[in-house]
């Protein structure tokens, strides 16, 4: 019974992230994409399947911001959050999308 409740809660949380009206994306400790919700796919043009396991910074961030974004992400992985940080994402059609993000 407990396992079913935990599984149901996990499913609800997954659905909440996937259908949120804001881009939600995440990386693993190596900087590779491990979360990419529907809104992120809509904004960037890259599907979840196209983005997963790719290095976030070198694949999706414009070159001039890569080092600063890398620093922000490394700080977040160490537990130091950054709020209201502006990212410039490169879309699949090579446009730039500006996203205001919180790195946690």
PDB file of N, CA and C in Angstrom:
ATOM      1  N   UNK A   1       0.826  -1.195   0.000  1.00  0.00           N
ATOM      2  CA  UNK A   1       0.000   0.000   0.000  1.00  0.00           C
ATOM      3  C   UNK A   1       0.871   1.260   0.000  1.00  0.00           C
ATOM      4  N   UNK A   2       1.891   1.272   0.834  1.00  0.00           N
ATOM      5  CA  UNK A   2       2.801   2.418   0.901  1.00  0.00           C
ATOM      6  C   UNK A   2       3.528   2.614  -0.424  1.00  0.00           C
ATOM      7  N   UNK A   3       3.985   1.527  -1.021  1.00  0.00           N
ATOM      8  CA  UNK A   3       4.696   1.620  -2.307  1.00  0.00           C
ATOM      9  C   UNK A   3       3.808   2.188  -3.402  1.00  0.00           C
ATOM     10  N   UNK A   4       2.527   1.795  -3.385  1.00  0.00           N
ATOM     11  CA  UNK A   4       1.597   2.334  -4.388  1.00  0.00           C
ATOM     12  C   UNK A   4       1.372   3.822  -4.187  1.00  0.00           C
ATOM     13  N   UNK A   5       1.297   4.256  -2.944  1.00  0.00           N
ATOM     14  CA  UNK A   5       1.106   5.681  -2.641  1.00  0.00           C
ATOM     15  C   UNK A   5       2.318   6.486  -3.089  1.00  0.00           C
ATOM     16  N   UNK A   6       3.497   5.952  -2.840  1.00  0.00           N
ATOM     17  CA  UNK A   6       4.734   6.632  -3.274  1.00  0.00           C
ATOM     18  C   UNK A   6       4.786   6.697  -4.794  1.00  0.00           C
ATOM     19  N   UNK A   7       4.442   5.620  -5.452  1.00  0.00           N
ATOM     20  CA  UNK A   7       4.446   5.596  -6.921  1.00  0.00           C
ATOM     21  C   UNK A   7       3.422   6.588  -7.480  1.00  0.00           C
ATOM     22  N   UNK A   8       2.266   6.668  -6.858  1.00  0.00           N
ATOM     23  CA  UNK A   8       1.231   7.609  -7.308  1.00  0.00           C
ATOM     24  C   UNK A   8       1.706   9.045  -7.128  1.00  0.00           C
ATOM     25  N   UNK A   9       2.352   9.333  -6.013  1.00  0.00           N
ATOM     26  CA  UNK A   9       2.874  10.678  -5.751  1.00  0.00           C
ATOM     27  C   UNK A   9       3.966  11.020  -6.760  1.00  0.00           C
ATOM     28  N   UNK A  10       4.853  10.088  -7.037  1.00  0.00           N
ATOM     29  CA  UNK A  10       5.911  10.315  -8.015  1.00  0.00           C
ATOM     30  C   UNK A  10       5.321  10.594  -9.393  1.00  0.00           C
ATOM     31  N   UNK A  11       4.283   9.869  -9.748  1.00  0.00           N
ATOM     32  CA  UNK A  11       3.614  10.069 -11.033  1.00  0.00           C
ATOM     33  C   UNK A  11       2.965  11.449 -11.106  1.00  0.00           C
ATOM     34  N   UNK A  12       2.340  11.879 -10.016  1.00  0.00           N
ATOM     35  CA  UNK A  12       1.733  13.206  -9.977  1.00  0.00           C
ATOM     36  C   UNK A  12       2.787  14.304 -10.121  1.00  0.00           C
ATOM     37  N   UNK A  13       3.897  14.136  -9.434  1.00  0.00           N
ATOM     38  CA  UNK A  13       4.975  15.124  -9.530  1.00  0.00           C
ATOM     39  C   UNK A  13       5.560  15.171 -10.947  1.00  0.00           C
ATOM     40  N   UNK A  14       5.727  14.010 -11.554  1.00  0.00           N
ATOM     41  CA  UNK A  14       6.238  13.927 -12.920  1.00  0.00           C
ATOM     42  C   UNK A  14       5.299  14.674 -13.862  1.00  0.00           C
ATOM     43  N   UNK A  15       4.002  14.458 -13.695  1.00  0.00           N
ATOM     44  CA  UNK A  15       3.008  15.119 -14.538  1.00  0.00           C
ATOM     45  C   UNK A  15       3.023  16.634 -14.324  1.00  0.00           C
ATOM     46  N   UNK A  16       3.183  17.056 -13.079  1.00  0.00           N
ATOM     47  CA  UNK A  16       3.247  18.483 -12.759  1.00  0.00           C
ATOM     48  C   UNK A  16       4.427  19.142 -13.459  1.00  0.00           C
ATOM     49  N   UNK A  17       5.587  18.522 -13.396  1.00  0.00           N
ATOM     50  CA  UNK A  17       6.784  19.055 -14.058  1.00  0.00           C
ATOM     51  C   UNK A  17       6.595  19.060 -15.571  1.00  0.00           C
ATOM     52  N   UNK A  18       6.128  17.953 -16.107  1.00  0.00           N
ATOM     53  CA  UNK A  18       5.992  17.834 -17.562  1.00  0.00           C
ATOM     54  C   UNK A  18       5.032  18.852 -18.151  1.00  0.00           C
ATOM     55  N   UNK A  19       3.967  19.161 -17.424  1.00  0.00           N
ATOM     56  CA  UNK A  19       2.928  20.033 -17.985  1.00  0.00           C
ATOM     57  C   UNK A  19       2.956  21.453 -17.416  1.00  0.00           C
ATOM     58  N   UNK A  20       3.968  21.784 -16.636  1.00  0.00           N
ATOM     59  CA  UNK A  20       4.064  23.129 -16.048  1.00  0.00           C
ATOM     60  C   UNK A  20       4.066  24.189 -17.145  1.00  0.00           C
ATOM     61  N   UNK A  21       3.544  25.358 -16.810  1.00  0.00           N
ATOM     62  CA  UNK A  21       3.476  26.449 -17.776  1.00  0.00           C
ATOM     63  C   UNK A  21       4.763  27.275 -17.772  1.00  0.00           C
ATOM     64  N   UNK A  22       5.849  26.668 -17.349  1.00  0.00           N
ATOM     65  CA  UNK A  22       7.163  27.318 -17.337  1.00  0.00           C
ATOM     66  C   UNK A  22       8.190  26.287 -17.762  1.00  0.00           C
ATOM     67  N   UNK A  23       9.241  26.731 -18.432  1.00  0.00           N
ATOM     68  CA  UNK A  23      10.297  25.786 -18.786  1.00  0.00           C
ATOM     69  C   UNK A  23      10.979  25.248 -17.528  1.00  0.00           C
ATOM     70  N   UNK A  24      11.090  23.943 -17.459  1.00  0.00           N
ATOM     71  CA  UNK A  24      11.830  23.290 -16.377  1.00  0.00           C
ATOM     72  C   UNK A  24      12.808  22.336 -17.033  1.00  0.00           C
ATOM     73  N   UNK A  25      14.085  22.558 -16.742  1.00  0.00           N
ATOM     74  CA  UNK A  25      15.107  21.652 -17.274  1.00  0.00           C
ATOM     75  C   UNK A  25      16.125  21.413 -16.175  1.00  0.00           C
ATOM     76  N   UNK A  26      16.815  20.302 -16.277  1.00  0.00           N
ATOM     77  CA  UNK A  26      17.790  19.964 -15.249  1.00  0.00           C
ATOM     78  C   UNK A  26      18.974  19.251 -15.853  1.00  0.00           C
ATOM     79  N   UNK A  27      20.036  19.201 -15.048  1.00  0.00           N
ATOM     80  CA  UNK A  27      21.260  18.508 -15.473  1.00  0.00           C
ATOM     81  C   UNK A  27      21.710  17.554 -14.376  1.00  0.00           C
ATOM     82  N   UNK A  28      22.496  16.570 -14.788  1.00  0.00           N
ATOM     83  CA  UNK A  28      23.117  15.684 -13.813  1.00  0.00           C
ATOM     84  C   UNK A  28      24.456  16.290 -13.382  1.00  0.00           C
ATOM     85  N   UNK A  29      25.197  15.578 -12.565  1.00  0.00           N
ATOM     86  CA  UNK A  29      26.463  16.118 -12.051  1.00  0.00           C
ATOM     87  C   UNK A  29      27.507  16.341 -13.140  1.00  0.00           C
ATOM     88  N   UNK A  30      27.304  15.724 -14.301  1.00  0.00           N
ATOM     89  CA  UNK A  30      28.231  15.920 -15.424  1.00  0.00           C
ATOM     90  C   UNK A  30      27.782  17.026 -16.369  1.00  0.00           C
ATOM     91  N   UNK A  31      26.675  17.681 -16.054  1.00  0.00           N
ATOM     92  CA  UNK A  31      26.189  18.777 -16.886  1.00  0.00           C
ATOM     93  C   UNK A  31      25.330  18.350 -18.052  1.00  0.00           C
ATOM     94  N   UNK A  32      24.939  17.066 -18.073  1.00  0.00           N
ATOM     95  CA  UNK A  32      24.106  16.554 -19.154  1.00  0.00           C
ATOM     96  C   UNK A  32      22.624  16.677 -18.787  1.00  0.00           C
ATOM     97  N   UNK A  33      21.804  16.998 -19.761  1.00  0.00           N
ATOM     98  CA  UNK A  33      20.375  17.188 -19.538  1.00  0.00           C
ATOM     99  C   UNK A  33      19.735  15.899 -19.027  1.00  0.00           C
ATOM    100  N   UNK A  34      19.013  16.020 -17.908  1.00  0.00           N
ATOM    101  CA  UNK A  34      18.272  14.875 -17.375  1.00  0.00           C
ATOM    102  C   UNK A  34      16.830  15.254 -17.026  1.00  0.00           C
ATOM    103  N   UNK A  35      16.454  16.480 -17.346  1.00  0.00           N
ATOM    104  CA  UNK A  35      15.071  16.942 -17.189  1.00  0.00           C
ATOM    105  C   UNK A  35      14.809  17.974 -18.270  1.00  0.00           C
ATOM    106  N   UNK A  36      13.653  17.865 -18.935  1.00  0.00           N
ATOM    107  CA  UNK A  36      13.322  18.747 -20.069  1.00  0.00           C
ATOM    108  C   UNK A  36      11.818  18.665 -20.257  1.00  0.00           C
ATOM    109  N   UNK A  37      11.082  19.599 -19.685  1.00  0.00           N
ATOM    110  CA  UNK A  37       9.628  19.465 -19.750  1.00  0.00           C
ATOM    111  C   UNK A  37       9.064  19.967 -21.077  1.00  0.00           C
ATOM    112  N   UNK A  38       7.747  19.827 -21.212  1.00  0.00           N
ATOM    113  CA  UNK A  38       7.082  20.170 -22.478  1.00  0.00           C
ATOM    114  C   UNK A  38       7.269  21.638 -22.847  1.00  0.00           C
ATOM    115  N   UNK A  39       7.231  22.542 -21.856  1.00  0.00           N
ATOM    116  CA  UNK A  39       7.390  23.975 -22.134  1.00  0.00           C
ATOM    117  C   UNK A  39       8.813  24.273 -22.615  1.00  0.00           C
ATOM    118  N   UNK A  40       9.811  23.600 -22.061  1.00  0.00           N
ATOM    119  CA  UNK A  40      11.184  23.784 -22.537  1.00  0.00           C
ATOM    120  C   UNK A  40      11.289  23.326 -23.987  1.00  0.00           C
ATOM    121  N   UNK A  41      10.648  22.217 -24.310  1.00  0.00           N
ATOM    122  CA  UNK A  41      10.647  21.730 -25.695  1.00  0.00           C
ATOM    123  C   UNK A  41       9.970  22.739 -26.616  1.00  0.00           C
ATOM    124  N   UNK A  42       8.862  23.319 -26.159  1.00  0.00           N
ATOM    125  CA  UNK A  42       8.145  24.308 -26.963  1.00  0.00           C
ATOM    126  C   UNK A  42       8.995  25.560 -27.200  1.00  0.00           C
ATOM    127  N   UNK A  43       9.653  26.044 -26.158  1.00  0.00           N
ATOM    128  CA  UNK A  43      10.450  27.271 -26.251  1.00  0.00           C
ATOM    129  C   UNK A  43      11.698  27.076 -27.110  1.00  0.00           C
ATOM    130  N   UNK A  44      12.340  25.915 -26.989  1.00  0.00           N
ATOM    131  CA  UNK A  44      13.611  25.694 -27.685  1.00  0.00           C
ATOM    132  C   UNK A  44      13.467  25.007 -29.038  1.00  0.00           C
ATOM    133  N   UNK A  45      12.367  24.289 -29.234  1.00  0.00           N
ATOM    134  CA  UNK A  45      12.209  23.516 -30.461  1.00  0.00           C
ATOM    135  C   UNK A  45      12.853  22.144 -30.402  1.00  0.00           C
ATOM    136  N   UNK A  46      13.579  21.857 -29.322  1.00  0.00           N
ATOM    137  CA  UNK A  46      14.208  20.543 -29.155  1.00  0.00           C
ATOM    138  C   UNK A  46      13.305  19.675 -28.289  1.00  0.00           C
ATOM    139  N   UNK A  47      12.996  18.481 -28.759  1.00  0.00           N
ATOM    140  CA  UNK A  47      12.176  17.562 -27.974  1.00  0.00           C
ATOM    141  C   UNK A  47      12.985  17.044 -26.781  1.00  0.00           C
ATOM    142  N   UNK A  48      12.274  16.452 -25.848  1.00  0.00           N
ATOM    143  CA  UNK A  48      12.926  15.836 -24.691  1.00  0.00           C
ATOM    144  C   UNK A  48      13.951  14.794 -25.160  1.00  0.00           C
ATOM    145  N   UNK A  49      13.559  14.008 -26.147  1.00  0.00           N
ATOM    146  CA  UNK A  49      14.451  12.957 -26.649  1.00  0.00           C
ATOM    147  C   UNK A  49      15.711  13.552 -27.279  1.00  0.00           C
ATOM    148  N   UNK A  50      15.563  14.667 -27.975  1.00  0.00           N
ATOM    149  CA  UNK A  50      16.723  15.315 -28.599  1.00  0.00           C
ATOM    150  C   UNK A  50      17.662  15.939 -27.563  1.00  0.00           C
ATOM    151  N   UNK A  51      17.102  16.394 -26.456  1.00  0.00           N
ATOM    152  CA  UNK A  51      17.893  17.104 -25.454  1.00  0.00           C
ATOM    153  C   UNK A  51      18.535  16.177 -24.430  1.00  0.00           C
ATOM    154  N   UNK A  52      17.854  15.094 -24.096  1.00  0.00           N
ATOM    155  CA  UNK A  52      18.333  14.216 -23.017  1.00  0.00           C
ATOM    156  C   UNK A  52      19.747  13.714 -23.270  1.00  0.00           C
ATOM    157  N   UNK A  53      20.538  13.740 -22.202  1.00  0.00           N
ATOM    158  CA  UNK A  53      21.909  13.234 -22.168  1.00  0.00           C
ATOM    159  C   UNK A  53      22.894  14.105 -22.957  1.00  0.00           C
ATOM    160  N   UNK A  54      22.437  15.236 -23.473  1.00  0.00           N
ATOM    161  CA  UNK A  54      23.343  16.160 -24.165  1.00  0.00           C
ATOM    162  C   UNK A  54      23.921  17.141 -23.138  1.00  0.00           C
ATOM    163  N   UNK A  55      25.149  17.599 -23.343  1.00  0.00           N
ATOM    164  CA  UNK A  55      25.694  18.609 -22.436  1.00  0.00           C
ATOM    165  C   UNK A  55      24.937  19.931 -22.607  1.00  0.00           C
ATOM    166  N   UNK A  56      24.282  20.382 -21.549  1.00  0.00           N
ATOM    167  CA  UNK A  56      23.430  21.566 -21.623  1.00  0.00           C
ATOM    168  C   UNK A  56      24.183  22.780 -22.155  1.00  0.00           C
ATOM    169  N   UNK A  57      25.304  23.101 -21.534  1.00  0.00           N
ATOM    170  CA  UNK A  57      25.989  24.355 -21.846  1.00  0.00           C
ATOM    171  C   UNK A  57      26.508  24.376 -23.282  1.00  0.00           C
ATOM    172  N   UNK A  58      27.248  23.368 -23.682  1.00  0.00           N
ATOM    173  CA  UNK A  58      27.854  23.407 -25.022  1.00  0.00           C
ATOM    174  C   UNK A  58      26.840  23.174 -26.138  1.00  0.00           C
ATOM    175  N   UNK A  59      25.706  22.571 -25.820  1.00  0.00           N
ATOM    176  CA  UNK A  59      24.705  22.278 -26.844  1.00  0.00           C
ATOM    177  C   UNK A  59      23.678  23.396 -27.005  1.00  0.00           C
ATOM    178  N   UNK A  60      23.253  23.987 -25.895  1.00  0.00           N
ATOM    179  CA  UNK A  60      22.089  24.873 -25.945  1.00  0.00           C
ATOM    180  C   UNK A  60      22.355  26.334 -25.570  1.00  0.00           C
ATOM    181  N   UNK A  61      23.497  26.625 -24.990  1.00  0.00           N
ATOM    182  CA  UNK A  61      23.780  27.990 -24.533  1.00  0.00           C
ATOM    183  C   UNK A  61      24.669  28.693 -25.560  1.00  0.00           C
ATOM    184  N   UNK A  62      24.368  29.976 -25.824  1.00  0.00           N
ATOM    185  CA  UNK A  62      25.170  30.727 -26.799  1.00  0.00           C
ATOM    186  C   UNK A  62      26.617  30.806 -26.306  1.00  0.00           C
ATOM    187  N   UNK A  63      27.584  30.789 -27.234  1.00  0.00           N
ATOM    188  CA  UNK A  63      29.000  30.727 -26.854  1.00  0.00           C
ATOM    189  C   UNK A  63      29.456  31.804 -25.866  1.00  0.00           C
ATOM    190  N   UNK A  64      29.015  33.030 -26.034  1.00  0.00           N
ATOM    191  CA  UNK A  64      29.527  34.101 -25.172  1.00  0.00           C
ATOM    192  C   UNK A  64      29.135  33.943 -23.702  1.00  0.00           C
ATOM    193  N   UNK A  65      28.116  33.126 -23.420  1.00  0.00           N
ATOM    194  CA  UNK A  65      27.667  32.943 -22.037  1.00  0.00           C
ATOM    195  C   UNK A  65      28.051  31.594 -21.441  1.00  0.00           C
ATOM    196  N   UNK A  66      28.695  30.762 -22.214  1.00  0.00           N
ATOM    197  CA  UNK A  66      28.935  29.391 -21.752  1.00  0.00           C
ATOM    198  C   UNK A  66      29.719  29.321 -20.448  1.00  0.00           C
ATOM    199  N   UNK A  67      30.773  30.115 -20.310  1.00  0.00           N
ATOM    200  CA  UNK A  67      31.572  30.034 -19.089  1.00  0.00           C
ATOM    201  C   UNK A  67      30.787  30.510 -17.877  1.00  0.00           C
ATOM    202  N   UNK A  68      30.069  31.622 -18.018  1.00  0.00           N
ATOM    203  CA  UNK A  68      29.311  32.126 -16.859  1.00  0.00           C
ATOM    204  C   UNK A  68      28.167  31.182 -16.492  1.00  0.00           C
ATOM    205  N   UNK A  69      27.519  30.600 -17.484  1.00  0.00           N
ATOM    206  CA  UNK A  69      26.455  29.633 -17.199  1.00  0.00           C
ATOM    207  C   UNK A  69      27.047  28.398 -16.534  1.00  0.00           C
ATOM    208  N   UNK A  70      28.183  27.944 -17.019  1.00  0.00           N
ATOM    209  CA  UNK A  70      28.857  26.791 -16.404  1.00  0.00           C
ATOM    210  C   UNK A  70      29.153  27.075 -14.936  1.00  0.00           C
ATOM    211  N   UNK A  71      29.635  28.280 -14.638  1.00  0.00           N
ATOM    212  CA  UNK A  71      29.931  28.660 -13.254  1.00  0.00           C
ATOM    213  C   UNK A  71      28.670  28.639 -12.387  1.00  0.00           C
ATOM    214  N   UNK A  72      27.580  29.192 -12.905  1.00  0.00           N
ATOM    215  CA  UNK A  72      26.309  29.218 -12.164  1.00  0.00           C
ATOM    216  C   UNK A  72      25.839  27.791 -11.886  1.00  0.00           C
ATOM    217  N   UNK A  73      25.924  26.925 -12.882  1.00  0.00           N
ATOM    218  CA  UNK A  73      25.473  25.541 -12.712  1.00  0.00           C
ATOM    219  C   UNK A  73      26.360  24.781 -11.730  1.00  0.00           C
ATOM    220  N   UNK A  74      27.657  24.987 -11.810  1.00  0.00           N
ATOM    221  CA  UNK A  74      28.559  24.325 -10.858  1.00  0.00           C
ATOM    222  C   UNK A  74      28.277  24.789  -9.436  1.00  0.00           C
ATOM    223  N   UNK A  75      28.015  26.086  -9.270  1.00  0.00           N
ATOM    224  CA  UNK A  75      27.652  26.596  -7.947  1.00  0.00           C
ATOM    225  C   UNK A  75      26.364  25.951  -7.457  1.00  0.00           C
ATOM    226  N   UNK A  76      25.373  25.812  -8.331  1.00  0.00           N
ATOM    227  CA  UNK A  76      24.106  25.184  -7.947  1.00  0.00           C
ATOM    228  C   UNK A  76      24.324  23.741  -7.506  1.00  0.00           C
ATOM    229  N   UNK A  77      25.172  23.042  -8.219  1.00  0.00           N
ATOM    230  CA  UNK A  77      25.448  21.648  -7.852  1.00  0.00           C
ATOM    231  C   UNK A  77      26.154  21.551  -6.503  1.00  0.00           C
ATOM    232  N   UNK A  78      26.843  22.631  -6.101  1.00  0.00           N
ATOM    233  CA  UNK A  78      27.491  22.680  -4.788  1.00  0.00           C
ATOM    234  C   UNK A  78      26.537  23.200  -3.703  1.00  0.00           C
ATOM    235  N   UNK A  79      25.297  23.532  -4.096  1.00  0.00           N
ATOM    236  CA  UNK A  79      24.318  24.003  -3.125  1.00  0.00           C
ATOM    237  C   UNK A  79      24.195  25.514  -3.037  1.00  0.00           C
ATOM    238  N   UNK A  80      24.904  26.250  -3.897  1.00  0.00           N
ATOM    239  CA  UNK A  80      24.824  27.711  -3.916  1.00  0.00           C
ATOM    240  C   UNK A  80      23.894  28.147  -5.027  1.00  0.00           C
ATOM    241  N   UNK A  81      22.703  28.594  -4.644  1.00  0.00           N
ATOM    242  CA  UNK A  81      21.674  28.940  -5.624  1.00  0.00           C
ATOM    243  C   UNK A  81      21.921  30.307  -6.248  1.00  0.00           C
ATOM    244  N   UNK A  82      21.433  30.464  -7.473  1.00  0.00           N
ATOM    245  CA  UNK A  82      21.446  31.747  -8.175  1.00  0.00           C
ATOM    246  C   UNK A  82      20.025  32.024  -8.641  1.00  0.00           C
ATOM    247  N   UNK A  83      19.509  33.204  -8.323  1.00  0.00           N
ATOM    248  CA  UNK A  83      18.149  33.573  -8.715  1.00  0.00           C
ATOM    249  C   UNK A  83      18.173  34.602  -9.830  1.00  0.00           C
ATOM    250  N   UNK A  84      17.151  34.529 -10.677  1.00  0.00           N
ATOM    251  CA  UNK A  84      16.940  35.518 -11.743  1.00  0.00           C
ATOM    252  C   UNK A  84      18.174  35.716 -12.619  1.00  0.00           C
ATOM    253  N   UNK A  85      18.682  34.614 -13.106  1.00  0.00           N
ATOM    254  CA  UNK A  85      19.841  34.617 -13.995  1.00  0.00           C
ATOM    255  C   UNK A  85      19.335  34.497 -15.427  1.00  0.00           C
ATOM    256  N   UNK A  86      19.785  35.386 -16.303  1.00  0.00           N
ATOM    257  CA  UNK A  86      19.295  35.362 -17.687  1.00  0.00           C
ATOM    258  C   UNK A  86      20.171  34.462 -18.553  1.00  0.00           C
ATOM    259  N   UNK A  87      19.526  33.484 -19.159  1.00  0.00           N
ATOM    260  CA  UNK A  87      20.198  32.577 -20.095  1.00  0.00           C
ATOM    261  C   UNK A  87      19.804  32.926 -21.513  1.00  0.00           C
ATOM    262  N   UNK A  88      20.709  32.732 -22.428  1.00  0.00           N
ATOM    263  CA  UNK A  88      20.378  32.835 -23.848  1.00  0.00           C
ATOM    264  C   UNK A  88      20.481  31.433 -24.426  1.00  0.00           C
ATOM    265  N   UNK A  89      19.320  30.850 -24.681  1.00  0.00           N
ATOM    266  CA  UNK A  89      19.225  29.510 -25.258  1.00  0.00           C
ATOM    267  C   UNK A  89      19.228  29.616 -26.772  1.00  0.00           C
ATOM    268  N   UNK A  90      19.952  28.730 -27.418  1.00  0.00           N
ATOM    269  CA  UNK A  90      19.897  28.610 -28.874  1.00  0.00           C
ATOM    270  C   UNK A  90      18.813  27.596 -29.204  1.00  0.00           C
ATOM    271  N   UNK A  91      17.871  28.007 -30.051  1.00  0.00           N
ATOM    272  CA  UNK A  91      16.784  27.101 -30.419  1.00  0.00           C
ATOM    273  C   UNK A  91      17.209  26.191 -31.566  1.00  0.00           C
ATOM    274  N   UNK A  92      16.373  25.238 -31.859  1.00  0.00           N
ATOM    275  CA  UNK A  92      16.648  24.309 -32.958  1.00  0.00           C
ATOM    276  C   UNK A  92      16.759  25.050 -34.285  1.00  0.00           C
ATOM    277  N   UNK A  93      16.007  26.155 -34.418  1.00  0.00           N
ATOM    278  CA  UNK A  93      16.053  26.942 -35.659  1.00  0.00           C
ATOM    279  C   UNK A  93      17.093  28.073 -35.589  1.00  0.00           C
ATOM    280  N   UNK A  94      18.005  27.959 -34.627  1.00  0.00           N
ATOM    281  CA  UNK A  94      19.109  28.905 -34.440  1.00  0.00           C
ATOM    282  C   UNK A  94      18.681  30.310 -34.040  1.00  0.00           C
ATOM    283  N   UNK A  95      17.512  30.412 -33.422  1.00  0.00           N
ATOM    284  CA  UNK A  95      17.098  31.684 -32.844  1.00  0.00           C
ATOM    285  C   UNK A  95      17.590  31.724 -31.402  1.00  0.00           C
ATOM    286  N   UNK A  96      17.523  32.901 -30.793  1.00  0.00           N
ATOM    287  CA  UNK A  96      17.897  33.035 -29.393  1.00  0.00           C
ATOM    288  C   UNK A  96      16.632  33.251 -28.571  1.00  0.00           C
ATOM    289  N   UNK A  97      16.516  32.503 -27.490  1.00  0.00           N
ATOM    290  CA  UNK A  97      15.428  32.681 -26.530  1.00  0.00           C
ATOM    291  C   UNK A  97      16.059  33.076 -25.206  1.00  0.00           C
ATOM    292  N   UNK A  98      15.549  34.144 -24.632  1.00  0.00           N
ATOM    293  CA  UNK A  98      16.041  34.613 -23.339  1.00  0.00           C
ATOM    294  C   UNK A  98      15.164  34.017 -22.252  1.00  0.00           C
ATOM    295  N   UNK A  99      15.795  33.334 -21.311  1.00  0.00           N
ATOM    296  CA  UNK A  99      15.078  32.729 -20.199  1.00  0.00           C
ATOM    297  C   UNK A  99      15.649  33.257 -18.896  1.00  0.00           C
ATOM    298  N   UNK A 100      14.767  33.679 -18.013  1.00  0.00           N
ATOM    299  CA  UNK A 100      15.164  34.085 -16.674  1.00  0.00           C
ATOM    300  C   UNK A 100      15.019  32.858 -15.796  1.00  0.00           C
ATOM    301  N   UNK A 101      16.118  32.397 -15.227  1.00  0.00           N
ATOM    302  CA  UNK A 101      16.087  31.119 -14.520  1.00  0.00           C
ATOM    303  C   UNK A 101      16.575  31.254 -13.082  1.00  0.00           C
ATOM    304  N   UNK A 102      16.209  30.282 -12.303  1.00  0.00           N
ATOM    305  CA  UNK A 102      16.755  30.091 -10.962  1.00  0.00           C
ATOM    306  C   UNK A 102      17.531  28.787 -11.003  1.00  0.00           C
ATOM    307  N   UNK A 103      18.781  28.835 -10.615  1.00  0.00           N
ATOM    308  CA  UNK A 103      19.619  27.639 -10.588  1.00  0.00           C
ATOM    309  C   UNK A 103      19.674  27.146  -9.154  1.00  0.00           C
ATOM    310  N   UNK A 104      19.059  25.965  -8.927  1.00  0.00           N
ATOM    311  CA  UNK A 104      19.008  25.413  -7.583  1.00  0.00           C
ATOM    312  C   UNK A 104      19.496  23.986  -7.567  1.00  0.00           C
TER     313      UNK A 104
END
